[in-house]
Amino acid sequence: MLIQLYSDAATDFKQQTNGAGLLILQAQKQIQLHQPLPKHLNNHQAEFQAAIWAFQQLLEICPLPEQTAVQYFTDSRLVSDGIAKEYAKQYASELSQLLALQDYFQVVITQWIPDRSNQGAHQQALQGLHQN
């Protein structure tokens, strides 16, 4: 089984609030979710937290993760590079959590995409932001 997963974070620097959004595509099904993130995160922390939350949600709905391939899309260079290198100096704890979640799946292929290609997850992240 192949699942496409998109995640994004939105940050309001003035209010110091954050939101996470995700989009899951599988066959002809689409799932969109959002939630607020803890306050006072910087944008990079929020992107990692959004990715962690997205994989947690995927684990909850995926009956056989060990038989599931995930194509993961993020517009965060730091997240995508961190996954590829298995290293993110200032975000080692967040990256470790994310990689541990990805290990449940048969394979995870991570791809960076530009903001304009991540609108589904971005719109959800904005909704999560406004729940704060």
Protein backbone atom coordinates (compact mmCIF):
# COMPACT_ATOMS: atom_id res chain seq x y z
CA MET A 1 0.00 0.00 0.00
CA LEU A 2 1.26 3.51 -0.85
CA ILE A 3 0.22 6.58 1.10
CA GLN A 4 1.13 10.18 0.35
CA LEU A 5 1.55 12.35 3.44
CA TYR A 6 1.90 16.14 3.45
CA SER A 7 2.57 18.17 6.60
CA ASP A 8 3.01 21.85 7.31
CA ALA A 9 3.18 24.29 10.19
CA ALA A 10 1.92 27.85 10.40
CA THR A 11 3.35 30.38 12.83
CA ASP A 12 1.98 33.72 13.99
CA PHE A 13 5.09 35.48 15.25
CA LYS A 14 3.13 38.35 16.81
CA GLN A 15 0.86 36.10 18.87
CA GLN A 16 3.57 33.43 19.26
CA THR A 17 1.12 30.70 18.26
CA ASN A 18 1.51 27.74 15.92
CA GLY A 19 -0.66 25.29 14.08
CA ALA A 20 -0.09 22.01 12.27
CA GLY A 21 -1.85 20.61 9.25
CA LEU A 22 -1.70 17.41 7.28
CA LEU A 23 -3.07 15.88 4.14
CA ILE A 24 -3.17 12.12 3.61
CA LEU A 25 -3.85 10.69 0.17
CA GLN A 26 -4.48 7.00 -0.37
CA ALA A 27 -6.09 5.59 -3.50
CA GLN A 28 -9.18 7.76 -3.90
CA LYS A 29 -9.38 8.81 -0.23
CA GLN A 30 -8.26 12.11 1.22
CA ILE A 31 -7.93 13.00 4.90
CA GLN A 32 -7.27 16.55 6.10
CA LEU A 33 -6.54 17.31 9.74
CA HIS A 34 -5.31 20.25 11.78
CA GLN A 35 -4.46 21.07 15.36
CA PRO A 36 -2.88 23.85 17.39
CA LEU A 37 0.73 23.38 18.44
CA PRO A 38 2.31 24.55 21.70
CA LYS A 39 2.94 28.27 21.90
CA HIS A 40 6.37 29.88 21.74
CA LEU A 41 7.87 27.47 19.20
CA ASN A 42 10.05 28.93 16.49
CA ASN A 43 9.15 28.10 12.90
CA HIS A 44 11.64 25.22 12.65
CA GLN A 45 10.40 23.64 15.88
CA ALA A 46 6.84 23.99 14.61
CA GLU A 47 7.71 22.27 11.32
CA PHE A 48 9.27 19.34 13.19
CA GLN A 49 6.30 19.14 15.57
CA ALA A 50 3.91 19.17 12.61
CA ALA A 51 5.83 16.31 10.97
CA ILE A 52 5.88 14.29 14.21
CA TRP A 53 2.15 14.83 14.70
CA ALA A 54 1.46 13.88 11.06
CA PHE A 55 3.25 10.55 11.43
CA GLN A 56 1.49 9.91 14.75
CA GLN A 57 -1.85 10.45 13.03
CA LEU A 58 -0.83 8.21 10.14
CA LEU A 59 0.11 5.42 12.56
CA GLU A 60 -3.33 5.67 14.18
CA ILE A 61 -5.20 5.18 10.92
CA CYS A 62 -2.83 2.80 9.15
CA PRO A 63 -3.72 -0.84 9.90
CA LEU A 64 -0.42 -2.35 8.70
CA PRO A 65 2.36 0.24 8.80
CA GLU A 66 5.04 -2.41 8.28
CA GLN A 67 3.45 -3.11 4.88
CA THR A 68 2.96 0.55 3.98
CA ALA A 69 5.17 2.76 1.85
CA VAL A 70 4.91 6.47 2.63
CA GLN A 71 5.76 9.24 0.24
CA TYR A 72 6.25 12.17 2.62
CA PHE A 73 6.19 15.77 1.40
CA THR A 74 7.34 18.80 3.40
CA ASP A 75 8.09 22.40 2.47
CA SER A 76 10.68 22.61 5.26
CA ARG A 77 14.23 22.21 3.97
CA LEU A 78 15.42 21.68 7.53
CA VAL A 79 13.03 18.76 8.06
CA SER A 80 13.73 17.14 4.68
CA ASP A 81 17.50 17.60 4.97
CA GLY A 82 17.46 16.39 8.57
CA ILE A 83 15.67 13.20 7.57
CA ALA A 84 18.02 12.60 4.64
CA LYS A 85 21.16 13.16 6.72
CA GLU A 86 19.69 11.79 9.96
CA TYR A 87 21.13 14.91 11.55
CA ALA A 88 19.76 18.27 12.67
CA LYS A 89 22.13 19.91 15.14
CA GLN A 90 19.71 22.17 17.00
CA TYR A 91 16.72 19.85 16.57
CA ALA A 92 18.24 16.45 17.39
CA SER A 93 15.46 15.52 19.83
CA GLU A 94 12.68 16.37 17.38
CA LEU A 95 14.45 14.57 14.54
CA SER A 96 14.96 11.49 16.71
CA GLN A 97 11.22 11.37 17.49
CA LEU A 98 10.36 11.76 13.82
CA LEU A 99 12.76 9.06 12.63
CA ALA A 100 11.48 6.66 15.30
CA LEU A 101 7.93 7.13 14.00
CA GLN A 102 9.04 6.63 10.41
CA ASP A 103 10.68 3.33 11.38
CA TYR A 104 7.23 1.77 11.85
CA PHE A 105 6.63 1.96 8.10
CA GLN A 106 8.01 -0.32 5.41
CA VAL A 107 9.69 2.62 3.70
CA VAL A 108 9.42 6.40 3.86
CA ILE A 109 10.51 8.49 0.90
CA THR A 110 10.86 12.13 1.88
CA GLN A 111 10.66 14.89 -0.69
CA TRP A 112 10.98 18.63 -0.23
CA ILE A 113 8.37 20.63 -2.13
CA PRO A 114 7.90 24.39 -2.49
CA ASP A 115 5.24 26.15 -0.42
CA ARG A 116 2.94 26.52 -3.41
CA SER A 117 2.83 22.73 -3.82
CA ASN A 118 1.83 22.16 -0.20
CA GLN A 119 -1.38 24.18 -0.07
CA GLY A 120 -3.60 21.38 1.29
CA ALA A 121 -1.49 20.91 4.42
CA HIS A 122 -0.83 24.65 4.65
CA GLN A 123 -4.53 25.53 4.73
CA GLN A 124 -5.03 22.96 7.48
CA ALA A 125 -2.09 24.42 9.44
CA LEU A 126 -3.69 27.86 9.24
CA GLN A 127 -6.89 26.41 10.71
CA GLY A 128 -4.85 24.86 13.51
CA LEU A 129 -3.16 28.21 14.10
CA HIS A 130 -6.51 29.95 14.54
CA GLN A 131 -7.61 27.42 17.16
CA ASN A 132 -5.02 28.84 19.58
